[in-house]
Amino acid sequence: MQSEALRNRVIETARSMLRLGLTVGTGGNVSVRCPSCNKFLITPSSLPYETLMPEDIVIVDLLDGTYEGCHAPSIEFHLHRNVYVARPDVSAIVHAHPPIASALAVAHKPLPLIIDACTFAFKDEVKVAEYGKPGSLELAENTVRALGDNTAVLLANHGILCVGDRLEEALERCEVLDKAALTYILSLIAGTPVCLKPLSD
């Protein structure tokens, strides 16, 4: 059994995602790469985050996508797997459905670097991945393509996905993304937003 501490961190992150209003019900999903093998831990499908126990967390093999555990993994396990395979630097993923950032995703509108927090959280503007049905390989492939080497991506008509070295970092990026989305939408009403350059420039 993978480290119970790691499983508990997945559960804590999922509960924080719910508490922060980044999703509702059993929406969204959280995963973390196992440090010692080609596997990752992910939240199970359709179980309330408030009642999750360490044994409910599912282990997915990065090489072939097979999984082990008491439950089926989140429907979006293909999404997480494809990101981990494409991005060896990523150790944690949070996929959420925050209301404000999701509005940009519905409008298929990227989020520019509009406030200082964005320049620290994201490498460049947050792009929108083309639509794919939830749980589909199409969604997974579209997401990897739009994410590139950035740390966040908007999922068209769906939600967001943020990555990081740690679960806390990925979750914080979700918060930054949703709050920046609100600022951006309000700035469009107020006038013409003046965007910042990436820190790497």
Foldseek 3Di string as FASTA:
>chain_A
DADLVQLVQQLVLQVVCCVVQQADFNPKKKKFARPPAQKIWIAAARDGSVPDHSQRIKIAGLPPGDIDGPGHGHLQVLLVSLQCVLDVQFGIKIWTAHPLLLVCLQVQHWQAAQDPVCLVLWQGIAGEFEEDPRSDNNQSVSQCVRCPVIQKHHYHNGHIMGTDNDSVSRSVSSVVSRVSSVVVVVVVVVPDGDGDHHPVD
